[in-house]
C-alpha atoms as a PDB file:
ATOM      1  CA  MET A   1      -0.032   0.011  -0.030  1.00  0.00           C
ATOM      2  CA  ARG A   2       1.221   3.522  -0.775  1.00  0.00           C
ATOM      3  CA  ASP A   3       2.403   5.960   1.825  1.00  0.00           C
ATOM      4  CA  ARG A   4      -0.068   8.859   2.413  1.00  0.00           C
ATOM      5  CA  ALA A   5       2.684  11.232   1.243  1.00  0.00           C
ATOM      6  CA  GLU A   6       2.646   9.508  -2.242  1.00  0.00           C
ATOM      7  CA  MET A   7      -1.163   9.659  -2.636  1.00  0.00           C
ATOM      8  CA  LYS A   8      -2.640  12.395  -4.857  1.00  0.00           C
ATOM      9  CA  PRO A   9      -6.024  14.078  -4.385  1.00  0.00           C
ATOM     10  CA  LEU A  10      -8.708  12.594  -6.591  1.00  0.00           C
ATOM     11  CA  GLY A  11      -9.356  15.892  -8.320  1.00  0.00           C
ATOM     12  CA  ASP A  12      -5.769  16.072  -9.410  1.00  0.00           C
ATOM     13  CA  VAL A  13      -5.759  12.601 -10.813  1.00  0.00           C
ATOM     14  CA  LEU A  14      -9.153  13.130 -12.696  1.00  0.00           C
ATOM     15  CA  GLY A  15      -8.069  16.425 -14.028  1.00  0.00           C
ATOM     16  CA  GLY A  16      -4.892  15.007 -15.469  1.00  0.00           C
ATOM     17  CA  LEU A  17      -6.758  11.999 -16.917  1.00  0.00           C
ATOM     18  CA  LEU A  18      -9.325  14.289 -18.555  1.00  0.00           C
ATOM     19  CA  SER A  19      -6.589  16.429 -19.947  1.00  0.00           C
ATOM     20  CA  LYS A  20      -4.890  13.374 -21.494  1.00  0.00           C
ATOM     21  CA  LEU A  21      -8.193  12.362 -23.103  1.00  0.00           C
ATOM     22  CA  GLY A  22      -8.470  15.912 -24.564  1.00  0.00           C
ATOM     23  CA  VAL A  23     -11.160  17.255 -22.276  1.00  0.00           C
ATOM     24  CA  SER A  24      -9.229  19.993 -20.469  1.00  0.00           C
ATOM     25  CA  ASP A  25     -12.220  21.841 -19.074  1.00  0.00           C
ATOM     26  CA  LEU A  26     -15.174  19.631 -18.365  1.00  0.00           C
ATOM     27  CA  THR A  27     -17.404  22.463 -17.250  1.00  0.00           C
ATOM     28  CA  LYS A  28     -17.100  24.245 -20.634  1.00  0.00           C
ATOM     29  CA  TRP A  29     -17.627  20.956 -22.526  1.00  0.00           C
ATOM     30  CA  GLU A  30     -20.818  20.263 -20.483  1.00  0.00           C
ATOM     31  CA  HIS A  31     -22.080  23.820 -21.162  1.00  0.00           C
ATOM     32  CA  LEU A  32     -21.379  23.467 -24.891  1.00  0.00           C
ATOM     33  CA  ARG A  33     -23.006  20.066 -25.091  1.00  0.00           C
ATOM     34  CA  ASP A  34     -26.059  20.930 -22.970  1.00  0.00           C
ATOM     35  CA  ASP A  35     -26.645  24.421 -24.391  1.00  0.00           C
ATOM     36  CA  TRP A  36     -25.657  23.814 -28.021  1.00  0.00           C
ATOM     37  CA  GLY A  37     -28.897  25.123 -29.422  1.00  0.00           C
ATOM     38  CA  ASP A  38     -28.584  28.358 -27.515  1.00  0.00           C
ATOM     39  CA  ILE A  39     -24.929  28.970 -28.213  1.00  0.00           C
ATOM     40  CA  VAL A  40     -24.836  28.409 -31.982  1.00  0.00           C
ATOM     41  CA  ALA A  41     -26.849  29.792 -34.836  1.00  0.00           C
ATOM     42  CA  GLU A  42     -28.171  28.044 -37.855  1.00  0.00           C
ATOM     43  CA  PRO A  43     -27.181  25.955 -39.654  1.00  0.00           C
ATOM     44  CA  TRP A  44     -25.152  24.556 -36.776  1.00  0.00           C
ATOM     45  CA  LYS A  45     -28.029  24.478 -34.458  1.00  0.00           C
ATOM     46  CA  SER A  46     -30.131  22.015 -36.623  1.00  0.00           C
ATOM     47  CA  GLN A  47     -27.511  20.418 -38.791  1.00  0.00           C
ATOM     48  CA  ALA A  48     -24.819  19.237 -36.340  1.00  0.00           C
ATOM     49  CA  ARG A  49     -24.194  18.109 -32.803  1.00  0.00           C
ATOM     50  CA  PRO A  50     -20.975  18.375 -30.700  1.00  0.00           C
ATOM     51  CA  ILE A  51     -19.182  15.146 -30.113  1.00  0.00           C
ATOM     52  CA  THR A  52     -16.028  16.200 -28.178  1.00  0.00           C
ATOM     53  CA  ILE A  53     -13.320  18.825 -27.677  1.00  0.00           C
ATOM     54  CA  ARG A  54      -9.811  17.491 -28.109  1.00  0.00           C
ATOM     55  CA  GLY A  55      -7.386  20.230 -27.064  1.00  0.00           C
ATOM     56  CA  ASN A  56      -8.715  23.207 -28.887  1.00  0.00           C
ATOM     57  CA  THR A  57     -10.471  21.257 -31.574  1.00  0.00           C
ATOM     58  CA  LEU A  58     -14.259  20.778 -31.473  1.00  0.00           C
ATOM     59  CA  VAL A  59     -15.480  17.702 -33.347  1.00  0.00           C
ATOM     60  CA  VAL A  60     -19.093  17.845 -34.497  1.00  0.00           C
ATOM     61  CA  GLU A  61     -21.153  15.357 -36.313  1.00  0.00           C
ATOM     62  CA  ALA A  62     -23.338  16.508 -39.232  1.00  0.00           C
ATOM     63  CA  ILE A  63     -26.856  15.065 -39.465  1.00  0.00           C
ATOM     64  CA  SER A  64     -26.284  14.167 -43.084  1.00  0.00           C
ATOM     65  CA  THR A  65     -23.530  13.989 -45.664  1.00  0.00           C
ATOM     66  CA  THR A  66     -25.033  16.807 -47.516  1.00  0.00           C
ATOM     67  CA  SER A  67     -24.708  19.004 -44.403  1.00  0.00           C
ATOM     68  CA  VAL A  68     -20.988  18.371 -44.037  1.00  0.00           C
ATOM     69  CA  SER A  69     -20.099  20.519 -47.043  1.00  0.00           C
ATOM     70  CA  LEU A  70     -22.499  23.385 -45.901  1.00  0.00           C
ATOM     71  CA  LEU A  71     -21.127  23.324 -42.372  1.00  0.00           C
ATOM     72  CA  LYS A  72     -17.483  23.422 -43.485  1.00  0.00           C
ATOM     73  CA  TYR A  73     -18.125  26.829 -45.162  1.00  0.00           C
ATOM     74  CA  GLY A  74     -19.246  28.320 -41.788  1.00  0.00           C
ATOM     75  CA  VAL A  75     -16.435  27.056 -39.483  1.00  0.00           C
ATOM     76  CA  SER A  76     -14.955  30.519 -38.940  1.00  0.00           C
ATOM     77  CA  SER A  77     -18.333  31.932 -37.801  1.00  0.00           C
ATOM     78  CA  LEU A  78     -18.783  28.979 -35.359  1.00  0.00           C
ATOM     79  CA  VAL A  79     -15.286  29.527 -33.876  1.00  0.00           C
ATOM     80  CA  GLU A  80     -16.154  33.228 -33.370  1.00  0.00           C
ATOM     81  CA  ALA A  81     -19.488  32.367 -31.665  1.00  0.00           C
ATOM     82  CA  LEU A  82     -17.842  29.867 -29.421  1.00  0.00           C
ATOM     83  CA  GLY A  83     -15.104  32.312 -28.614  1.00  0.00           C
ATOM     84  CA  ARG A  84     -17.750  34.855 -27.367  1.00  0.00           C
ATOM     85  CA  ASP A  85     -19.493  32.164 -25.284  1.00  0.00           C
ATOM     86  CA  LEU A  86     -16.735  29.871 -23.984  1.00  0.00           C
ATOM     87  CA  GLY A  87     -13.823  32.251 -24.111  1.00  0.00           C
ATOM     88  CA  GLU A  88     -11.385  33.191 -26.821  1.00  0.00           C
ATOM     89  CA  GLY A  89      -8.941  30.355 -27.693  1.00  0.00           C
ATOM     90  CA  VAL A  90     -10.983  27.541 -26.111  1.00  0.00           C
ATOM     91  CA  VAL A  91     -12.000  26.371 -29.571  1.00  0.00           C
ATOM     92  CA  THR A  92      -9.751  27.355 -32.434  1.00  0.00           C
ATOM     93  CA  GLU A  93     -10.518  24.527 -34.967  1.00  0.00           C
ATOM     94  CA  VAL A  94     -13.640  22.606 -35.926  1.00  0.00           C
ATOM     95  CA  VAL A  95     -13.711  19.138 -37.532  1.00  0.00           C
ATOM     96  CA  VAL A  96     -17.000  18.266 -39.198  1.00  0.00           C
ATOM     97  CA  ARG A  97     -17.498  14.573 -39.572  1.00  0.00           C
ATOM     98  CA  ASN A  98     -19.971  12.564 -41.505  1.00  0.00           C
ATOM     99  CA  PRO A  99     -22.895  11.024 -39.610  1.00  0.00           C
ATOM    100  CA  LYS A 100     -22.532   7.478 -38.290  1.00  0.00           C
ATOM    101  CA  ARG A 101     -24.878   5.030 -39.960  1.00  0.00           C
END
């Protein structure tokens, strides 16, 4: 068994684990996921859903393959909107992926 001096607080361990998984700020991710429809404008609101944030990259899934092309043209406006809501630099890139079948 480990000596108490070697043990780390659970919050430190979980924070490090989440960071390694690419979710550096769980509160911001939960806000984005839960309030997506209030944070983003069309066509993002109805044509995509957030999947994860890896570092500063937001991964979204389009509702259809046709939507992917449309959404890719609006990435810069999405990054700006997310900067206003989540803070500048939290999301700097967006990856739009095809829907899972």
